[in-house]
Amino acid sequence: RGSLPRTTSGKLRRSECRARYLANQ
C-alpha cells in the first residue's frame, strides 16, 4: 500500500508504473 506512483493531486502515474515494471524496479 502506498507504492503506486501518484501525482501531487493523487492521480495514478501509469507511465511511471510501466517504466518501473519494464525496468524490474
mmCIF file of all heavy atoms, coordinates in Angstrom:
data_MODEL
# 
_entry.id   MODEL 
# 
loop_
_atom_site.group_PDB 
_atom_site.id 
_atom_site.type_symbol 
_atom_site.label_atom_id 
_atom_site.label_alt_id 
_atom_site.label_comp_id 
_atom_site.label_asym_id 
_atom_site.label_entity_id 
_atom_site.label_seq_id 
_atom_site.pdbx_PDB_ins_code 
_atom_site.Cartn_x 
_atom_site.Cartn_y 
_atom_site.Cartn_z 
_atom_site.occupancy 
_atom_site.B_iso_or_equiv 
_atom_site.pdbx_formal_charge 
_atom_site.auth_seq_id 
_atom_site.auth_comp_id 
_atom_site.auth_asym_id 
_atom_site.auth_atom_id 
_atom_site.pdbx_PDB_model_num 
ATOM 1   N N   . ARG A 1 1  ? 0.853  -1.190 0.000   1.00 0.00 ? 1  ARG A N   1 
ATOM 2   C CA  . ARG A 1 1  ? 0.000  0.000  0.000   1.00 0.00 ? 1  ARG A CA  1 
ATOM 3   C C   . ARG A 1 1  ? 0.886  1.236  0.000   1.00 0.00 ? 1  ARG A C   1 
ATOM 4   O O   . ARG A 1 1  ? 1.857  1.329  0.752   1.00 0.00 ? 1  ARG A O   1 
ATOM 5   C CB  . ARG A 1 1  ? -0.893 -0.032 1.241   1.00 0.00 ? 1  ARG A CB  1 
ATOM 6   C CG  . ARG A 1 1  ? -1.894 1.082  1.278   1.00 0.00 ? 1  ARG A CG  1 
ATOM 7   C CD  . ARG A 1 1  ? -3.123 0.696  0.509   1.00 0.00 ? 1  ARG A CD  1 
ATOM 8   N NE  . ARG A 1 1  ? -4.104 1.767  0.594   1.00 0.00 ? 1  ARG A NE  1 
ATOM 9   C CZ  . ARG A 1 1  ? -4.886 2.094  -0.411  1.00 0.00 ? 1  ARG A CZ  1 
ATOM 10  N NH1 . ARG A 1 1  ? -4.831 1.431  -1.526  1.00 0.00 ? 1  ARG A NH1 1 
ATOM 11  N NH2 . ARG A 1 1  ? -5.736 3.067  -0.279  1.00 0.00 ? 1  ARG A NH2 1 
ATOM 12  N N   . GLY A 1 2  ? 0.575  2.188  -0.878  1.00 0.00 ? 2  GLY A N   1 
ATOM 13  C CA  . GLY A 1 2  ? 1.351  3.417  -0.983  1.00 0.00 ? 2  GLY A CA  1 
ATOM 14  C C   . GLY A 1 2  ? 2.488  3.349  -1.987  1.00 0.00 ? 2  GLY A C   1 
ATOM 15  O O   . GLY A 1 2  ? 3.221  4.316  -2.154  1.00 0.00 ? 2  GLY A O   1 
ATOM 16  N N   . SER A 1 3  ? 2.646  2.210  -2.682  1.00 0.00 ? 3  SER A N   1 
ATOM 17  C CA  . SER A 1 3  ? 3.751  2.031  -3.629  1.00 0.00 ? 3  SER A CA  1 
ATOM 18  C C   . SER A 1 3  ? 3.456  2.523  -5.038  1.00 0.00 ? 3  SER A C   1 
ATOM 19  O O   . SER A 1 3  ? 4.380  2.757  -5.814  1.00 0.00 ? 3  SER A O   1 
ATOM 20  C CB  . SER A 1 3  ? 4.145  0.554  -3.723  1.00 0.00 ? 3  SER A CB  1 
ATOM 21  O OG  . SER A 1 3  ? 4.639  0.088  -2.497  1.00 0.00 ? 3  SER A OG  1 
ATOM 22  N N   . LEU A 1 4  ? 2.185  2.651  -5.394  1.00 0.00 ? 4  LEU A N   1 
ATOM 23  C CA  . LEU A 1 4  ? 1.870  3.116  -6.747  1.00 0.00 ? 4  LEU A CA  1 
ATOM 24  C C   . LEU A 1 4  ? 2.264  4.582  -6.877  1.00 0.00 ? 4  LEU A C   1 
ATOM 25  O O   . LEU A 1 4  ? 1.888  5.407  -6.031  1.00 0.00 ? 4  LEU A O   1 
ATOM 26  C CB  . LEU A 1 4  ? 0.374  2.964  -7.046  1.00 0.00 ? 4  LEU A CB  1 
ATOM 27  C CG  . LEU A 1 4  ? -0.161 1.551  -7.220  1.00 0.00 ? 4  LEU A CG  1 
ATOM 28  C CD1 . LEU A 1 4  ? -1.664 1.581  -7.490  1.00 0.00 ? 4  LEU A CD1 1 
ATOM 29  C CD2 . LEU A 1 4  ? 0.550  0.835  -8.333  1.00 0.00 ? 4  LEU A CD2 1 
ATOM 30  N N   . PRO A 1 5  ? 3.013  4.915  -7.925  1.00 0.00 ? 5  PRO A N   1 
ATOM 31  C CA  . PRO A 1 5  ? 3.383  6.323  -8.109  1.00 0.00 ? 5  PRO A CA  1 
ATOM 32  C C   . PRO A 1 5  ? 2.162  7.178  -8.431  1.00 0.00 ? 5  PRO A C   1 
ATOM 33  O O   . PRO A 1 5  ? 1.295  6.766  -9.200  1.00 0.00 ? 5  PRO A O   1 
ATOM 34  C CB  . PRO A 1 5  ? 4.364  6.285  -9.291  1.00 0.00 ? 5  PRO A CB  1 
ATOM 35  C CG  . PRO A 1 5  ? 4.273  4.942  -9.888  1.00 0.00 ? 5  PRO A CG  1 
ATOM 36  C CD  . PRO A 1 5  ? 3.580  4.041  -8.938  1.00 0.00 ? 5  PRO A CD  1 
ATOM 37  N N   . ARG A 1 6  ? 2.104  8.325  -7.797  1.00 0.00 ? 6  ARG A N   1 
ATOM 38  C CA  . ARG A 1 6  ? 0.961  9.237  -7.967  1.00 0.00 ? 6  ARG A CA  1 
ATOM 39  C C   . ARG A 1 6  ? 1.467  10.659 -8.181  1.00 0.00 ? 6  ARG A C   1 
ATOM 40  O O   . ARG A 1 6  ? 2.573  11.006 -7.793  1.00 0.00 ? 6  ARG A O   1 
ATOM 41  C CB  . ARG A 1 6  ? 0.073  9.208  -6.725  1.00 0.00 ? 6  ARG A CB  1 
ATOM 42  C CG  . ARG A 1 6  ? -0.505 7.837  -6.432  1.00 0.00 ? 6  ARG A CG  1 
ATOM 43  C CD  . ARG A 1 6  ? -1.354 7.871  -5.160  1.00 0.00 ? 6  ARG A CD  1 
ATOM 44  N NE  . ARG A 1 6  ? -1.698 6.542  -4.695  1.00 0.00 ? 6  ARG A NE  1 
ATOM 45  C CZ  . ARG A 1 6  ? -2.677 5.799  -5.173  1.00 0.00 ? 6  ARG A CZ  1 
ATOM 46  N NH1 . ARG A 1 6  ? -3.420 6.249  -6.144  1.00 0.00 ? 6  ARG A NH1 1 
ATOM 47  N NH2 . ARG A 1 6  ? -2.910 4.601  -4.691  1.00 0.00 ? 6  ARG A NH2 1 
ATOM 48  N N   . THR A 1 7  ? 0.600  11.459 -8.767  1.00 0.00 ? 7  THR A N   1 
ATOM 49  C CA  . THR A 1 7  ? 0.894  12.883 -8.898  1.00 0.00 ? 7  THR A CA  1 
ATOM 50  C C   . THR A 1 7  ? 0.658  13.535 -7.537  1.00 0.00 ? 7  THR A C   1 
ATOM 51  O O   . THR A 1 7  ? 0.133  12.900 -6.617  1.00 0.00 ? 7  THR A O   1 
ATOM 52  C CB  . THR A 1 7  ? -0.021 13.545 -9.945  1.00 0.00 ? 7  THR A CB  1 
ATOM 53  O OG1 . THR A 1 7  ? -1.371 13.486 -9.463  1.00 0.00 ? 7  THR A OG1 1 
ATOM 54  C CG2 . THR A 1 7  ? 0.091  12.854 -11.298 1.00 0.00 ? 7  THR A CG2 1 
ATOM 55  N N   . THR A 1 8  ? 0.990  14.810 -7.429  1.00 0.00 ? 8  THR A N   1 
ATOM 56  C CA  . THR A 1 8  ? 0.753  15.512 -6.169  1.00 0.00 ? 8  THR A CA  1 
ATOM 57  C C   . THR A 1 8  ? -0.727 15.611 -5.839  1.00 0.00 ? 8  THR A C   1 
ATOM 58  O O   . THR A 1 8  ? -1.100 15.751 -4.684  1.00 0.00 ? 8  THR A O   1 
ATOM 59  C CB  . THR A 1 8  ? 1.372  16.927 -6.205  1.00 0.00 ? 8  THR A CB  1 
ATOM 60  O OG1 . THR A 1 8  ? 0.860  17.613 -7.349  1.00 0.00 ? 8  THR A OG1 1 
ATOM 61  C CG2 . THR A 1 8  ? 2.886  16.856 -6.277  1.00 0.00 ? 8  THR A CG2 1 
ATOM 62  N N   . SER A 1 9  ? -1.582 15.505 -6.862  1.00 0.00 ? 9  SER A N   1 
ATOM 63  C CA  . SER A 1 9  ? -3.027 15.556 -6.619  1.00 0.00 ? 9  SER A CA  1 
ATOM 64  C C   . SER A 1 9  ? -3.619 14.159 -6.368  1.00 0.00 ? 9  SER A C   1 
ATOM 65  O O   . SER A 1 9  ? -4.818 14.025 -6.170  1.00 0.00 ? 9  SER A O   1 
ATOM 66  C CB  . SER A 1 9  ? -3.745 16.223 -7.801  1.00 0.00 ? 9  SER A CB  1 
ATOM 67  O OG  . SER A 1 9  ? -3.590 15.446 -8.965  1.00 0.00 ? 9  SER A OG  1 
ATOM 68  N N   . GLY A 1 10 ? -2.775 13.125 -6.393  1.00 0.00 ? 10 GLY A N   1 
ATOM 69  C CA  . GLY A 1 10 ? -3.236 11.779 -6.056  1.00 0.00 ? 10 GLY A CA  1 
ATOM 70  C C   . GLY A 1 10 ? -3.619 10.902 -7.234  1.00 0.00 ? 10 GLY A C   1 
ATOM 71  O O   . GLY A 1 10 ? -4.026 9.752  -7.047  1.00 0.00 ? 10 GLY A O   1 
ATOM 72  N N   . LYS A 1 11 ? -3.476 11.394 -8.455  1.00 0.00 ? 11 LYS A N   1 
ATOM 73  C CA  . LYS A 1 11 ? -3.805 10.579 -9.629  1.00 0.00 ? 11 LYS A CA  1 
ATOM 74  C C   . LYS A 1 11 ? -2.678 9.576  -9.899  1.00 0.00 ? 11 LYS A C   1 
ATOM 75  O O   . LYS A 1 11 ? -1.501 9.872  -9.671  1.00 0.00 ? 11 LYS A O   1 
ATOM 76  C CB  . LYS A 1 11 ? -4.001 11.465 -10.858 1.00 0.00 ? 11 LYS A CB  1 
ATOM 77  C CG  . LYS A 1 11 ? -5.190 12.379 -10.746 1.00 0.00 ? 11 LYS A CG  1 
ATOM 78  C CD  . LYS A 1 11 ? -5.309 13.256 -11.962 1.00 0.00 ? 11 LYS A CD  1 
ATOM 79  C CE  . LYS A 1 11 ? -6.466 14.230 -11.799 1.00 0.00 ? 11 LYS A CE  1 
ATOM 80  N NZ  . LYS A 1 11 ? -6.526 15.188 -12.886 1.00 0.00 ? 11 LYS A NZ  1 
ATOM 81  N N   . LEU A 1 12 ? -3.063 8.397  -10.391 1.00 0.00 ? 12 LEU A N   1 
ATOM 82  C CA  . LEU A 1 12 ? -2.077 7.369  -10.695 1.00 0.00 ? 12 LEU A CA  1 
ATOM 83  C C   . LEU A 1 12 ? -1.199 7.779  -11.870 1.00 0.00 ? 12 LEU A C   1 
ATOM 84  O O   . LEU A 1 12 ? -1.687 8.323  -12.856 1.00 0.00 ? 12 LEU A O   1 
ATOM 85  C CB  . LEU A 1 12 ? -2.766 6.045  -11.031 1.00 0.00 ? 12 LEU A CB  1 
ATOM 86  C CG  . LEU A 1 12 ? -3.471 5.351  -9.881  1.00 0.00 ? 12 LEU A CG  1 
ATOM 87  C CD1 . LEU A 1 12 ? -4.207 4.117  -10.389 1.00 0.00 ? 12 LEU A CD1 1 
ATOM 88  C CD2 . LEU A 1 12 ? -2.494 4.964  -8.794  1.00 0.00 ? 12 LEU A CD2 1 
ATOM 89  N N   . ARG A 1 13 ? 0.077  7.486  -11.762 1.00 0.00 ? 13 ARG A N   1 
ATOM 90  C CA  . ARG A 1 13 ? 1.027  7.743  -12.845 1.00 0.00 ? 13 ARG A CA  1 
ATOM 91  C C   . ARG A 1 13 ? 1.319  6.406  -13.526 1.00 0.00 ? 13 ARG A C   1 
ATOM 92  O O   . ARG A 1 13 ? 2.295  5.745  -13.230 1.00 0.00 ? 13 ARG A O   1 
ATOM 93  C CB  . ARG A 1 13 ? 2.285  8.383  -12.285 1.00 0.00 ? 13 ARG A CB  1 
ATOM 94  C CG  . ARG A 1 13 ? 2.016  9.759  -11.704 1.00 0.00 ? 13 ARG A CG  1 
ATOM 95  C CD  . ARG A 1 13 ? 3.222  10.384 -11.077 1.00 0.00 ? 13 ARG A CD  1 
ATOM 96  N NE  . ARG A 1 13 ? 4.347  10.392 -11.991 1.00 0.00 ? 13 ARG A NE  1 
ATOM 97  C CZ  . ARG A 1 13 ? 5.607  10.474 -11.581 1.00 0.00 ? 13 ARG A CZ  1 
ATOM 98  N NH1 . ARG A 1 13 ? 5.889  10.551 -10.306 1.00 0.00 ? 13 ARG A NH1 1 
ATOM 99  N NH2 . ARG A 1 13 ? 6.578  10.477 -12.455 1.00 0.00 ? 13 ARG A NH2 1 
ATOM 100 N N   . ARG A 1 14 ? 0.430  6.027  -14.438 1.00 0.00 ? 14 ARG A N   1 
ATOM 101 C CA  . ARG A 1 14 ? 0.536  4.722  -15.098 1.00 0.00 ? 14 ARG A CA  1 
ATOM 102 C C   . ARG A 1 14 ? 1.813  4.589  -15.909 1.00 0.00 ? 14 ARG A C   1 
ATOM 103 O O   . ARG A 1 14 ? 2.387  3.512  -15.983 1.00 0.00 ? 14 ARG A O   1 
ATOM 104 C CB  . ARG A 1 14 ? -0.697 4.471  -15.957 1.00 0.00 ? 14 ARG A CB  1 
ATOM 105 C CG  . ARG A 1 14 ? -1.935 4.233  -15.117 1.00 0.00 ? 14 ARG A CG  1 
ATOM 106 C CD  . ARG A 1 14 ? -3.211 4.218  -15.954 1.00 0.00 ? 14 ARG A CD  1 
ATOM 107 N NE  . ARG A 1 14 ? -4.392 4.212  -15.082 1.00 0.00 ? 14 ARG A NE  1 
ATOM 108 C CZ  . ARG A 1 14 ? -4.896 5.304  -14.534 1.00 0.00 ? 14 ARG A CZ  1 
ATOM 109 N NH1 . ARG A 1 14 ? -4.352 6.482  -14.746 1.00 0.00 ? 14 ARG A NH1 1 
ATOM 110 N NH2 . ARG A 1 14 ? -5.943 5.213  -13.744 1.00 0.00 ? 14 ARG A NH2 1 
ATOM 111 N N   . SER A 1 15 ? 2.261  5.662  -16.528 1.00 0.00 ? 15 SER A N   1 
ATOM 112 C CA  . SER A 1 15 ? 3.502  5.588  -17.311 1.00 0.00 ? 15 SER A CA  1 
ATOM 113 C C   . SER A 1 15 ? 4.690  5.288  -16.402 1.00 0.00 ? 15 SER A C   1 
ATOM 114 O O   . SER A 1 15 ? 5.601  4.548  -16.784 1.00 0.00 ? 15 SER A O   1 
ATOM 115 C CB  . SER A 1 15 ? 3.734  6.870  -18.105 1.00 0.00 ? 15 SER A CB  1 
ATOM 116 O OG  . SER A 1 15 ? 3.836  7.977  -17.238 1.00 0.00 ? 15 SER A OG  1 
ATOM 117 N N   . GLU A 1 16 ? 4.684  5.818  -15.199 1.00 0.00 ? 16 GLU A N   1 
ATOM 118 C CA  . GLU A 1 16 ? 5.748  5.511  -14.230 1.00 0.00 ? 16 GLU A CA  1 
ATOM 119 C C   . GLU A 1 16 ? 5.630  4.066  -13.752 1.00 0.00 ? 16 GLU A C   1 
ATOM 120 O O   . GLU A 1 16 ? 6.641  3.389  -13.550 1.00 0.00 ? 16 GLU A O   1 
ATOM 121 C CB  . GLU A 1 16 ? 5.688  6.475  -13.050 1.00 0.00 ? 16 GLU A CB  1 
ATOM 122 C CG  . GLU A 1 16 ? 6.746  6.239  -12.001 1.00 0.00 ? 16 GLU A CG  1 
ATOM 123 C CD  . GLU A 1 16 ? 8.173  6.490  -12.484 1.00 0.00 ? 16 GLU A CD  1 
ATOM 124 O OE1 . GLU A 1 16 ? 8.365  7.232  -13.459 1.00 0.00 ? 16 GLU A OE1 1 
ATOM 125 O OE2 . GLU A 1 16 ? 9.105  5.925  -11.872 1.00 0.00 ? 16 GLU A OE2 1 
ATOM 126 N N   . CYS A 1 17 ? 4.402  3.578  -13.562 1.00 0.00 ? 17 CYS A N   1 
ATOM 127 C CA  . CYS A 1 17 ? 4.202  2.167  -13.205 1.00 0.00 ? 17 CYS A CA  1 
ATOM 128 C C   . CYS A 1 17 ? 4.810  1.281  -14.281 1.00 0.00 ? 17 CYS A C   1 
ATOM 129 O O   . CYS A 1 17 ? 5.529  0.321  -13.981 1.00 0.00 ? 17 CYS A O   1 
ATOM 130 C CB  . CYS A 1 17 ? 2.709  1.844  -13.074 1.00 0.00 ? 17 CYS A CB  1 
ATOM 131 S SG  . CYS A 1 17 ? 1.893  2.583  -11.656 1.00 0.00 ? 17 CYS A SG  1 
ATOM 132 N N   . ARG A 1 18 ? 4.521  1.600  -15.531 1.00 0.00 ? 18 ARG A N   1 
ATOM 133 C CA  . ARG A 1 18 ? 5.029  0.817  -16.656 1.00 0.00 ? 18 ARG A CA  1 
ATOM 134 C C   . ARG A 1 18 ? 6.557  0.860  -16.703 1.00 0.00 ? 18 ARG A C   1 
ATOM 135 O O   . ARG A 1 18 ? 7.209  -0.164 -16.885 1.00 0.00 ? 18 ARG A O   1 
ATOM 136 C CB  . ARG A 1 18 ? 4.453  1.331  -17.968 1.00 0.00 ? 18 ARG A CB  1 
ATOM 137 C CG  . ARG A 1 18 ? 4.887  0.524  -19.175 1.00 0.00 ? 18 ARG A CG  1 
ATOM 138 C CD  . ARG A 1 18 ? 4.240  1.052  -20.468 1.00 0.00 ? 18 ARG A CD  1 
ATOM 139 N NE  . ARG A 1 18 ? 4.452  0.142  -21.555 1.00 0.00 ? 18 ARG A NE  1 
ATOM 140 C CZ  . ARG A 1 18 ? 5.503  0.186  -22.374 1.00 0.00 ? 18 ARG A CZ  1 
ATOM 141 N NH1 . ARG A 1 18 ? 6.431  1.112  -22.210 1.00 0.00 ? 18 ARG A NH1 1 
ATOM 142 N NH2 . ARG A 1 18 ? 5.621  -0.697 -23.352 1.00 0.00 ? 18 ARG A NH2 1 
ATOM 143 N N   . ALA A 1 19 ? 7.129  2.042  -16.527 1.00 0.00 ? 19 ALA A N   1 
ATOM 144 C CA  . ALA A 1 19 ? 8.586  2.187  -16.559 1.00 0.00 ? 19 ALA A CA  1 
ATOM 145 C C   . ALA A 1 19 ? 9.244  1.357  -15.461 1.00 0.00 ? 19 ALA A C   1 
ATOM 146 O O   . ALA A 1 19 ? 10.243 0.669  -15.706 1.00 0.00 ? 19 ALA A O   1 
ATOM 147 C CB  . ALA A 1 19 ? 8.971  3.659  -16.424 1.00 0.00 ? 19 ALA A CB  1 
ATOM 148 N N   . ARG A 1 20 ? 8.686  1.385  -14.272 1.00 0.00 ? 20 ARG A N   1 
ATOM 149 C CA  . ARG A 1 20 ? 9.237  0.588  -13.166 1.00 0.00 ? 20 ARG A CA  1 
ATOM 150 C C   . ARG A 1 20 ? 9.087  -0.905 -13.428 1.00 0.00 ? 20 ARG A C   1 
ATOM 151 O O   . ARG A 1 20 ? 9.972  -1.692 -13.122 1.00 0.00 ? 20 ARG A O   1 
ATOM 152 C CB  . ARG A 1 20 ? 8.548  0.950  -11.852 1.00 0.00 ? 20 ARG A CB  1 
ATOM 153 C CG  . ARG A 1 20 ? 8.918  2.307  -11.336 1.00 0.00 ? 20 ARG A CG  1 
ATOM 154 C CD  . ARG A 1 20 ? 8.230  2.587  -10.020 1.00 0.00 ? 20 ARG A CD  1 
ATOM 155 N NE  . ARG A 1 20 ? 8.439  3.955  -9.584  1.00 0.00 ? 20 ARG A NE  1 
ATOM 156 C CZ  . ARG A 1 20 ? 7.980  4.449  -8.457  1.00 0.00 ? 20 ARG A CZ  1 
ATOM 157 N NH1 . ARG A 1 20 ? 7.255  3.684  -7.644  1.00 0.00 ? 20 ARG A NH1 1 
ATOM 158 N NH2 . ARG A 1 20 ? 8.210  5.704  -8.129  1.00 0.00 ? 20 ARG A NH2 1 
ATOM 159 N N   . TYR A 1 21 ? 7.959  -1.274 -14.015 1.00 0.00 ? 21 TYR A N   1 
ATOM 160 C CA  . TYR A 1 21 ? 7.716  -2.682 -14.344 1.00 0.00 ? 21 TYR A CA  1 
ATOM 161 C C   . TYR A 1 21 ? 8.734  -3.182 -15.372 1.00 0.00 ? 21 TYR A C   1 
ATOM 162 O O   . TYR A 1 21 ? 9.354  -4.224 -15.183 1.00 0.00 ? 21 TYR A O   1 
ATOM 163 C CB  . TYR A 1 21 ? 6.295  -2.862 -14.866 1.00 0.00 ? 21 TYR A CB  1 
ATOM 164 C CG  . TYR A 1 21 ? 5.967  -4.277 -15.283 1.00 0.00 ? 21 TYR A CG  1 
ATOM 165 C CD1 . TYR A 1 21 ? 5.633  -5.227 -14.325 1.00 0.00 ? 21 TYR A CD1 1 
ATOM 166 C CD2 . TYR A 1 21 ? 6.008  -4.653 -16.617 1.00 0.00 ? 21 TYR A CD2 1 
ATOM 167 C CE1 . TYR A 1 21 ? 5.336  -6.535 -14.694 1.00 0.00 ? 21 TYR A CE1 1 
ATOM 168 C CE2 . TYR A 1 21 ? 5.715  -5.950 -16.990 1.00 0.00 ? 21 TYR A CE2 1 
ATOM 169 C CZ  . TYR A 1 21 ? 5.382  -6.885 -16.029 1.00 0.00 ? 21 TYR A CZ  1 
ATOM 170 O OH  . TYR A 1 21 ? 5.097  -8.179 -16.398 1.00 0.00 ? 21 TYR A OH  1 
ATOM 171 N N   . LEU A 1 22 ? 8.908  -2.428 -16.453 1.00 0.00 ? 22 LEU A N   1 
ATOM 172 C CA  . LEU A 1 22 ? 9.836  -2.836 -17.504 1.00 0.00 ? 22 LEU A CA  1 
ATOM 173 C C   . LEU A 1 22 ? 11.285 -2.853 -17.026 1.00 0.00 ? 22 LEU A C   1 
ATOM 174 O O   . LEU A 1 22 ? 12.087 -3.655 -17.495 1.00 0.00 ? 22 LEU A O   1 
ATOM 175 C CB  . LEU A 1 22 ? 9.685  -1.927 -18.732 1.00 0.00 ? 22 LEU A CB  1 
ATOM 176 C CG  . LEU A 1 22 ? 8.357  -2.052 -19.476 1.00 0.00 ? 22 LEU A CG  1 
ATOM 177 C CD1 . LEU A 1 22 ? 8.264  -1.022 -20.591 1.00 0.00 ? 22 LEU A CD1 1 
ATOM 178 C CD2 . LEU A 1 22 ? 8.160  -3.468 -20.012 1.00 0.00 ? 22 LEU A CD2 1 
ATOM 179 N N   . ALA A 1 23 ? 11.616 -1.980 -16.071 1.00 0.00 ? 23 ALA A N   1 
ATOM 180 C CA  . ALA A 1 23 ? 12.968 -1.932 -15.518 1.00 0.00 ? 23 ALA A CA  1 
ATOM 181 C C   . ALA A 1 23 ? 13.151 -2.912 -14.354 1.00 0.00 ? 23 ALA A C   1 
ATOM 182 O O   . ALA A 1 23 ? 14.229 -2.980 -13.768 1.00 0.00 ? 23 ALA A O   1 
ATOM 183 C CB  . ALA A 1 23 ? 13.295 -0.514 -15.058 1.00 0.00 ? 23 ALA A CB  1 
ATOM 184 N N   . ASN A 1 24 ? 12.086 -3.644 -14.034 1.00 0.00 ? 24 ASN A N   1 
ATOM 185 C CA  . ASN A 1 24 ? 12.102 -4.597 -12.912 1.00 0.00 ? 24 ASN A CA  1 
ATOM 186 C C   . ASN A 1 24 ? 12.507 -3.906 -11.608 1.00 0.00 ? 24 ASN A C   1 
ATOM 187 O O   . ASN A 1 24 ? 13.289 -4.431 -10.830 1.00 0.00 ? 24 ASN A O   1 
ATOM 188 C CB  . ASN A 1 24 ? 13.003 -5.791 -13.213 1.00 0.00 ? 24 ASN A CB  1 
ATOM 189 C CG  . ASN A 1 24 ? 12.656 -6.980 -12.342 1.00 0.00 ? 24 ASN A CG  1 
ATOM 190 O OD1 . ASN A 1 24 ? 11.541 -7.099 -11.846 1.00 0.00 ? 24 ASN A OD1 1 
ATOM 191 N ND2 . ASN A 1 24 ? 13.614 -7.860 -12.148 1.00 0.00 ? 24 ASN A ND2 1 
ATOM 192 N N   . GLN A 1 25 ? 11.961 -2.728 -11.389 1.00 0.00 ? 25 GLN A N   1 
ATOM 193 C CA  . GLN A 1 25 ? 12.245 -1.943 -10.189 1.00 0.00 ? 25 GLN A CA  1 
ATOM 194 C C   . GLN A 1 25 ? 11.050 -1.936 -9.249  1.00 0.00 ? 25 GLN A C   1 
ATOM 195 O O   . GLN A 1 25 ? 10.629 -0.897 -8.763  1.00 0.00 ? 25 GLN A O   1 
ATOM 196 C CB  . GLN A 1 25 ? 12.610 -0.508 -10.563 1.00 0.00 ? 25 GLN A CB  1 
ATOM 197 C CG  . GLN A 1 25 ? 13.856 -0.375 -11.367 1.00 0.00 ? 25 GLN A CG  1 
ATOM 198 C CD  . GLN A 1 25 ? 14.115 1.061  -11.784 1.00 0.00 ? 25 GLN A CD  1 
ATOM 199 O OE1 . GLN A 1 25 ? 13.194 1.856  -11.945 1.00 0.00 ? 25 GLN A OE1 1 
ATOM 200 N NE2 . GLN A 1 25 ? 15.367 1.396  -11.970 1.00 0.00 ? 25 GLN A NE2 1 
# 
